[in-house]
Amino acid sequence: MIRLNLLPPNIKENIAYAKKNAAIYQLLIKLIACFVTMAAIVSVVGYIVFKNQEIAKDEKAVTAAQLASWKSTERDATDFANRLNLVDKLDGEKKNWPVVFTELAGSVPANVKLTSYNFTNNQAERVELTGFAISNTDIGTFREILAKSKLFQYVDIESVTASTDPANNAIDGLLFRITMNLNQVEVKK
């Protein structure tokens, strides 16, 4: 089959020109559709990113508050564990203090006054007693009485200095310091 185009040349040009215009018009429609589609996609993605950014900020604030709470909880748990360890340690070191102080009070001779005692020093169970006595004999007697007790061990006179009675400046005498250990077996009975 052979096609013959018998149209005059100017009409043929108009038809070719119209076909080109239709093709350009179709291309323009496709470009506009692509542009609108791309704009819609960018808008949707931008909206999602913007909303997710707000959500991320909220989640970040919640996470920061939760982290602060956890730090506080961790600090409280550590403090509680330390206190429990201290209670366990003190429970293991439980001493019969009324017996210790009764024994100490019963050991003080007539011319001796105790001014202080320290049961909380850092040395291994070493106790320090300070006091006032009229003479060296009174200090020696006090040391001997303490050394004979089952509750006290390694009783040593650390220092003796001349002084006046802290309660009455008219009485001359001696200030002394005695150190000793507590017998752990006897003290815990």
C-alpha atoms as a PDB file:
ATOM      1  CA  MET A   1       0.000   0.000   0.000  1.00  0.00           C
ATOM      2  CA  ILE A   2       1.390   3.313  -1.050  1.00  0.00           C
ATOM      3  CA  ARG A   3       0.337   6.554   0.503  1.00  0.00           C
ATOM      4  CA  LEU A   4       0.213   9.609  -1.503  1.00  0.00           C
ATOM      5  CA  ASN A   5       0.026  13.017  -0.025  1.00  0.00           C
ATOM      6  CA  LEU A   6      -1.659  15.287  -2.504  1.00  0.00           C
ATOM      7  CA  LEU A   7      -1.985  18.275  -0.201  1.00  0.00           C
ATOM      8  CA  PRO A   8      -0.443  21.520  -1.236  1.00  0.00           C
ATOM      9  CA  PRO A   9       3.011  22.229   0.291  1.00  0.00           C
ATOM     10  CA  ASN A  10       1.873  25.116   2.519  1.00  0.00           C
ATOM     11  CA  ILE A  11      -0.761  22.897   4.157  1.00  0.00           C
ATOM     12  CA  LYS A  12       1.824  20.196   4.542  1.00  0.00           C
ATOM     13  CA  GLU A  13       4.043  22.725   6.380  1.00  0.00           C
ATOM     14  CA  ASN A  14       1.155  23.810   8.581  1.00  0.00           C
ATOM     15  CA  ILE A  15       0.428  20.196   9.472  1.00  0.00           C
ATOM     16  CA  ALA A  16       4.111  19.518  10.289  1.00  0.00           C
ATOM     17  CA  TYR A  17       4.217  22.739  12.297  1.00  0.00           C
ATOM     18  CA  ALA A  18       1.051  21.732  14.193  1.00  0.00           C
ATOM     19  CA  LYS A  19       2.525  18.295  14.934  1.00  0.00           C
ATOM     20  CA  LYS A  20       5.686  19.983  16.320  1.00  0.00           C
ATOM     21  CA  ASN A  21       3.560  22.349  18.416  1.00  0.00           C
ATOM     22  CA  ALA A  22       1.536  19.411  19.770  1.00  0.00           C
ATOM     23  CA  ALA A  23       4.767  17.558  20.663  1.00  0.00           C
ATOM     24  CA  ILE A  24       6.176  20.651  22.390  1.00  0.00           C
ATOM     25  CA  TYR A  25       2.844  21.161  24.177  1.00  0.00           C
ATOM     26  CA  GLN A  26       2.890  17.507  25.350  1.00  0.00           C
ATOM     27  CA  LEU A  27       6.525  17.959  26.543  1.00  0.00           C
ATOM     28  CA  LEU A  28       5.546  21.143  28.380  1.00  0.00           C
ATOM     29  CA  ILE A  29       2.621  19.335  30.073  1.00  0.00           C
ATOM     30  CA  LYS A  30       4.933  16.483  31.076  1.00  0.00           C
ATOM     31  CA  LEU A  31       7.529  18.944  32.448  1.00  0.00           C
ATOM     32  CA  ILE A  32       4.891  20.810  34.432  1.00  0.00           C
ATOM     33  CA  ALA A  33       3.552  17.504  35.776  1.00  0.00           C
ATOM     34  CA  CYS A  34       7.079  16.421  36.743  1.00  0.00           C
ATOM     35  CA  PHE A  35       7.704  19.811  38.402  1.00  0.00           C
ATOM     36  CA  VAL A  36       4.425  19.620  40.351  1.00  0.00           C
ATOM     37  CA  THR A  37       5.191  16.026  41.347  1.00  0.00           C
ATOM     38  CA  MET A  38       8.728  16.950  42.465  1.00  0.00           C
ATOM     39  CA  ALA A  39       7.398  19.965  44.385  1.00  0.00           C
ATOM     40  CA  ALA A  40       4.833  17.750  46.095  1.00  0.00           C
ATOM     41  CA  ILE A  41       7.492  15.151  46.976  1.00  0.00           C
ATOM     42  CA  VAL A  42       9.859  17.832  48.332  1.00  0.00           C
ATOM     43  CA  SER A  43       7.017  19.383  50.322  1.00  0.00           C
ATOM     44  CA  VAL A  44       5.980  16.039  51.806  1.00  0.00           C
ATOM     45  CA  VAL A  45       9.601  15.112  52.662  1.00  0.00           C
ATOM     46  CA  GLY A  46      10.189  18.585  54.133  1.00  0.00           C
ATOM     47  CA  TYR A  47       7.037  18.314  56.224  1.00  0.00           C
ATOM     48  CA  ILE A  48       8.036  14.849  57.468  1.00  0.00           C
ATOM     49  CA  VAL A  49      11.555  16.040  58.313  1.00  0.00           C
ATOM     50  CA  PHE A  50      10.189  19.117  60.082  1.00  0.00           C
ATOM     51  CA  LYS A  51       7.715  17.050  62.132  1.00  0.00           C
ATOM     52  CA  ASN A  52      10.371  14.423  62.909  1.00  0.00           C
ATOM     53  CA  GLN A  53      12.709  17.188  64.025  1.00  0.00           C
ATOM     54  CA  GLU A  54      10.089  18.405  66.509  1.00  0.00           C
ATOM     55  CA  ILE A  55       9.509  14.826  67.669  1.00  0.00           C
ATOM     56  CA  ALA A  56      13.281  14.318  67.975  1.00  0.00           C
ATOM     57  CA  LYS A  57      13.560  17.468  70.121  1.00  0.00           C
ATOM     58  CA  ASP A  58      10.790  16.193  72.384  1.00  0.00           C
ATOM     59  CA  GLU A  59      12.423  12.749  72.604  1.00  0.00           C
ATOM     60  CA  LYS A  60      15.785  14.383  73.345  1.00  0.00           C
ATOM     61  CA  ALA A  61      14.251  16.350  76.229  1.00  0.00           C
ATOM     62  CA  VAL A  62      12.548  13.231  77.596  1.00  0.00           C
ATOM     63  CA  THR A  63      15.792  11.245  77.268  1.00  0.00           C
ATOM     64  CA  ALA A  64      17.777  13.990  79.037  1.00  0.00           C
ATOM     65  CA  ALA A  65      15.274  14.013  81.914  1.00  0.00           C
ATOM     66  CA  GLN A  66      15.372  10.228  82.128  1.00  0.00           C
ATOM     67  CA  LEU A  67      19.193  10.250  82.121  1.00  0.00           C
ATOM     68  CA  ALA A  68      19.230  12.803  84.934  1.00  0.00           C
ATOM     69  CA  SER A  69      16.785  10.616  86.854  1.00  0.00           C
ATOM     70  CA  TRP A  70      18.974   7.572  86.284  1.00  0.00           C
ATOM     71  CA  LYS A  71      22.064   9.450  87.498  1.00  0.00           C
ATOM     72  CA  SER A  72      20.190  10.438  90.640  1.00  0.00           C
ATOM     73  CA  THR A  73      18.993   6.858  91.078  1.00  0.00           C
ATOM     74  CA  GLU A  74      22.526   5.541  90.571  1.00  0.00           C
ATOM     75  CA  ARG A  75      23.906   8.029  93.107  1.00  0.00           C
ATOM     76  CA  ASP A  76      21.161   7.082  95.600  1.00  0.00           C
ATOM     77  CA  ALA A  77      21.789   3.361  95.014  1.00  0.00           C
ATOM     78  CA  THR A  78      25.533   3.818  95.576  1.00  0.00           C
ATOM     79  CA  ASP A  79      24.877   5.812  98.754  1.00  0.00           C
ATOM     80  CA  PHE A  80      22.432   3.155  99.960  1.00  0.00           C
ATOM     81  CA  ALA A  81      24.921   0.362  99.206  1.00  0.00           C
ATOM     82  CA  ASN A  82      27.650   2.235 101.108  1.00  0.00           C
ATOM     83  CA  ARG A  83      25.326   2.653 104.092  1.00  0.00           C
ATOM     84  CA  LEU A  84      24.409  -1.025 104.034  1.00  0.00           C
ATOM     85  CA  ASN A  85      28.111  -1.939 103.934  1.00  0.00           C
ATOM     86  CA  LEU A  86      28.711   0.344 106.911  1.00  0.00           C
ATOM     87  CA  VAL A  87      25.822  -1.254 108.813  1.00  0.00           C
ATOM     88  CA  ASP A  88      27.193  -4.727 108.023  1.00  0.00           C
ATOM     89  CA  LYS A  89      30.654  -3.631 109.146  1.00  0.00           C
ATOM     90  CA  LEU A  90      29.319  -2.111 112.366  1.00  0.00           C
ATOM     91  CA  ASP A  91      27.155  -5.158 112.991  1.00  0.00           C
ATOM     92  CA  GLY A  92      30.235  -7.366 112.598  1.00  0.00           C
ATOM     93  CA  GLU A  93      32.120  -5.124 115.027  1.00  0.00           C
ATOM     94  CA  LYS A  94      29.299  -4.929 117.567  1.00  0.00           C
ATOM     95  CA  LYS A  95      30.758  -4.295 120.990  1.00  0.00           C
ATOM     96  CA  ASN A  96      29.172  -4.461 124.402  1.00  0.00           C
ATOM     97  CA  TRP A  97      29.790  -0.798 125.243  1.00  0.00           C
ATOM     98  CA  PRO A  98      28.080  -0.790 128.640  1.00  0.00           C
ATOM     99  CA  VAL A  99      30.525  -3.482 129.796  1.00  0.00           C
ATOM    100  CA  VAL A 100      33.507  -1.493 128.427  1.00  0.00           C
ATOM    101  CA  PHE A 101      32.480   1.757 130.123  1.00  0.00           C
ATOM    102  CA  THR A 102      31.556   0.028 133.385  1.00  0.00           C
ATOM    103  CA  GLU A 103      34.976  -1.666 133.445  1.00  0.00           C
ATOM    104  CA  LEU A 104      36.700   1.634 132.629  1.00  0.00           C
ATOM    105  CA  ALA A 105      34.782   3.541 135.320  1.00  0.00           C
ATOM    106  CA  GLY A 106      35.563   0.839 137.891  1.00  0.00           C
ATOM    107  CA  SER A 107      39.283   1.003 137.041  1.00  0.00           C
ATOM    108  CA  VAL A 108      39.809   4.705 137.838  1.00  0.00           C
ATOM    109  CA  PRO A 109      41.622   5.213 141.197  1.00  0.00           C
ATOM    110  CA  ALA A 110      40.627   7.910 143.692  1.00  0.00           C
ATOM    111  CA  ASN A 111      43.217  10.556 142.692  1.00  0.00           C
ATOM    112  CA  VAL A 112      42.680  10.163 138.914  1.00  0.00           C
ATOM    113  CA  LYS A 113      40.179  12.038 136.743  1.00  0.00           C
ATOM    114  CA  LEU A 114      39.564  11.132 133.107  1.00  0.00           C
ATOM    115  CA  THR A 115      39.182  14.185 130.873  1.00  0.00           C
ATOM    116  CA  SER A 116      38.604  12.446 127.517  1.00  0.00           C
ATOM    117  CA  TYR A 117      38.646   9.158 125.690  1.00  0.00           C
ATOM    118  CA  ASN A 118      38.815   8.325 121.991  1.00  0.00           C
ATOM    119  CA  PHE A 119      37.396   5.026 120.762  1.00  0.00           C
ATOM    120  CA  THR A 120      37.104   6.177 117.151  1.00  0.00           C
ATOM    121  CA  ASN A 121      40.698   6.718 116.058  1.00  0.00           C
ATOM    122  CA  ASN A 122      41.947   5.212 112.808  1.00  0.00           C
ATOM    123  CA  GLN A 123      44.535   2.965 114.379  1.00  0.00           C
ATOM    124  CA  ALA A 124      43.569  -0.694 114.660  1.00  0.00           C
ATOM    125  CA  GLU A 125      41.277  -0.749 117.712  1.00  0.00           C
ATOM    126  CA  ARG A 126      43.608   1.519 119.698  1.00  0.00           C
ATOM    127  CA  VAL A 127      41.901   3.506 122.472  1.00  0.00           C
ATOM    128  CA  GLU A 128      43.287   6.738 123.856  1.00  0.00           C
ATOM    129  CA  LEU A 129      42.534   8.008 127.384  1.00  0.00           C
ATOM    130  CA  THR A 130      43.589  11.406 128.717  1.00  0.00           C
ATOM    131  CA  GLY A 131      43.259  12.533 132.296  1.00  0.00           C
ATOM    132  CA  PHE A 132      44.590  14.288 135.387  1.00  0.00           C
ATOM    133  CA  ALA A 133      46.295  12.658 138.377  1.00  0.00           C
ATOM    134  CA  ILE A 134      47.844  13.943 141.587  1.00  0.00           C
ATOM    135  CA  SER A 135      51.036  11.858 141.292  1.00  0.00           C
ATOM    136  CA  ASN A 136      52.988   9.439 139.105  1.00  0.00           C
ATOM    137  CA  THR A 137      51.983   6.663 141.507  1.00  0.00           C
ATOM    138  CA  ASP A 138      48.308   7.268 140.754  1.00  0.00           C
ATOM    139  CA  ILE A 139      48.981   7.081 136.986  1.00  0.00           C
ATOM    140  CA  GLY A 140      50.986   3.860 137.467  1.00  0.00           C
ATOM    141  CA  THR A 141      48.201   2.353 139.596  1.00  0.00           C
ATOM    142  CA  PHE A 142      45.634   3.244 136.929  1.00  0.00           C
ATOM    143  CA  ARG A 143      47.780   1.622 134.244  1.00  0.00           C
ATOM    144  CA  GLU A 144      48.193  -1.545 136.351  1.00  0.00           C
ATOM    145  CA  ILE A 145      44.442  -1.832 136.979  1.00  0.00           C
ATOM    146  CA  LEU A 146      43.716  -1.423 133.246  1.00  0.00           C
ATOM    147  CA  ALA A 147      46.382  -4.003 132.317  1.00  0.00           C
ATOM    148  CA  LYS A 148      44.819  -6.586 134.668  1.00  0.00           C
ATOM    149  CA  SER A 149      41.395  -6.226 133.026  1.00  0.00           C
ATOM    150  CA  LYS A 150      40.305  -8.862 130.496  1.00  0.00           C
ATOM    151  CA  LEU A 151      38.838  -6.110 128.264  1.00  0.00           C
ATOM    152  CA  PHE A 152      42.046  -4.100 127.767  1.00  0.00           C
ATOM    153  CA  GLN A 153      45.392  -5.149 126.283  1.00  0.00           C
ATOM    154  CA  TYR A 154      48.755  -3.507 125.628  1.00  0.00           C
ATOM    155  CA  VAL A 155      48.180  -0.641 128.065  1.00  0.00           C
ATOM    156  CA  ASP A 156      50.905   2.004 127.599  1.00  0.00           C
ATOM    157  CA  ILE A 157      51.523   5.374 129.235  1.00  0.00           C
ATOM    158  CA  GLU A 158      52.277   7.652 126.267  1.00  0.00           C
ATOM    159  CA  SER A 159      52.919  10.976 128.001  1.00  0.00           C
ATOM    160  CA  VAL A 160      52.930  12.672 131.416  1.00  0.00           C
ATOM    161  CA  THR A 161      53.207  16.464 131.852  1.00  0.00           C
ATOM    162  CA  ALA A 162      52.977  18.751 134.864  1.00  0.00           C
ATOM    163  CA  SER A 163      49.776  20.763 134.982  1.00  0.00           C
ATOM    164  CA  THR A 164      46.978  22.019 137.161  1.00  0.00           C
ATOM    165  CA  ASP A 165      43.618  20.326 137.564  1.00  0.00           C
ATOM    166  CA  PRO A 166      41.373  21.405 134.635  1.00  0.00           C
ATOM    167  CA  ALA A 167      38.405  21.643 137.009  1.00  0.00           C
ATOM    168  CA  ASN A 168      40.294  23.452 139.832  1.00  0.00           C
ATOM    169  CA  ASN A 169      43.408  25.519 139.011  1.00  0.00           C
ATOM    170  CA  ALA A 170      44.467  25.507 142.669  1.00  0.00           C
ATOM    171  CA  ILE A 171      45.416  21.803 142.553  1.00  0.00           C
ATOM    172  CA  ASP A 172      48.770  20.887 140.974  1.00  0.00           C
ATOM    173  CA  GLY A 173      49.221  17.513 139.383  1.00  0.00           C
ATOM    174  CA  LEU A 174      49.966  15.709 136.111  1.00  0.00           C
ATOM    175  CA  LEU A 175      48.188  15.401 132.780  1.00  0.00           C
ATOM    176  CA  PHE A 176      48.632  11.961 131.212  1.00  0.00           C
ATOM    177  CA  ARG A 177      47.768  10.074 128.063  1.00  0.00           C
ATOM    178  CA  ILE A 178      47.320   6.289 128.054  1.00  0.00           C
ATOM    179  CA  THR A 179      46.735   4.137 124.983  1.00  0.00           C
ATOM    180  CA  MET A 180      45.487   0.548 124.920  1.00  0.00           C
ATOM    181  CA  ASN A 181      43.766  -2.011 122.712  1.00  0.00           C
ATOM    182  CA  LEU A 182      40.331  -3.495 123.264  1.00  0.00           C
ATOM    183  CA  ASN A 183      40.267  -7.277 123.557  1.00  0.00           C
ATOM    184  CA  GLN A 184      37.847  -7.967 120.689  1.00  0.00           C
ATOM    185  CA  VAL A 185      36.767 -11.380 121.985  1.00  0.00           C
ATOM    186  CA  GLU A 186      35.867 -10.060 125.450  1.00  0.00           C
ATOM    187  CA  VAL A 187      34.301  -6.833 124.223  1.00  0.00           C
ATOM    188  CA  LYS A 188      31.830  -8.659 121.949  1.00  0.00           C
ATOM    189  CA  LYS A 189      30.511 -10.931 124.724  1.00  0.00           C
END
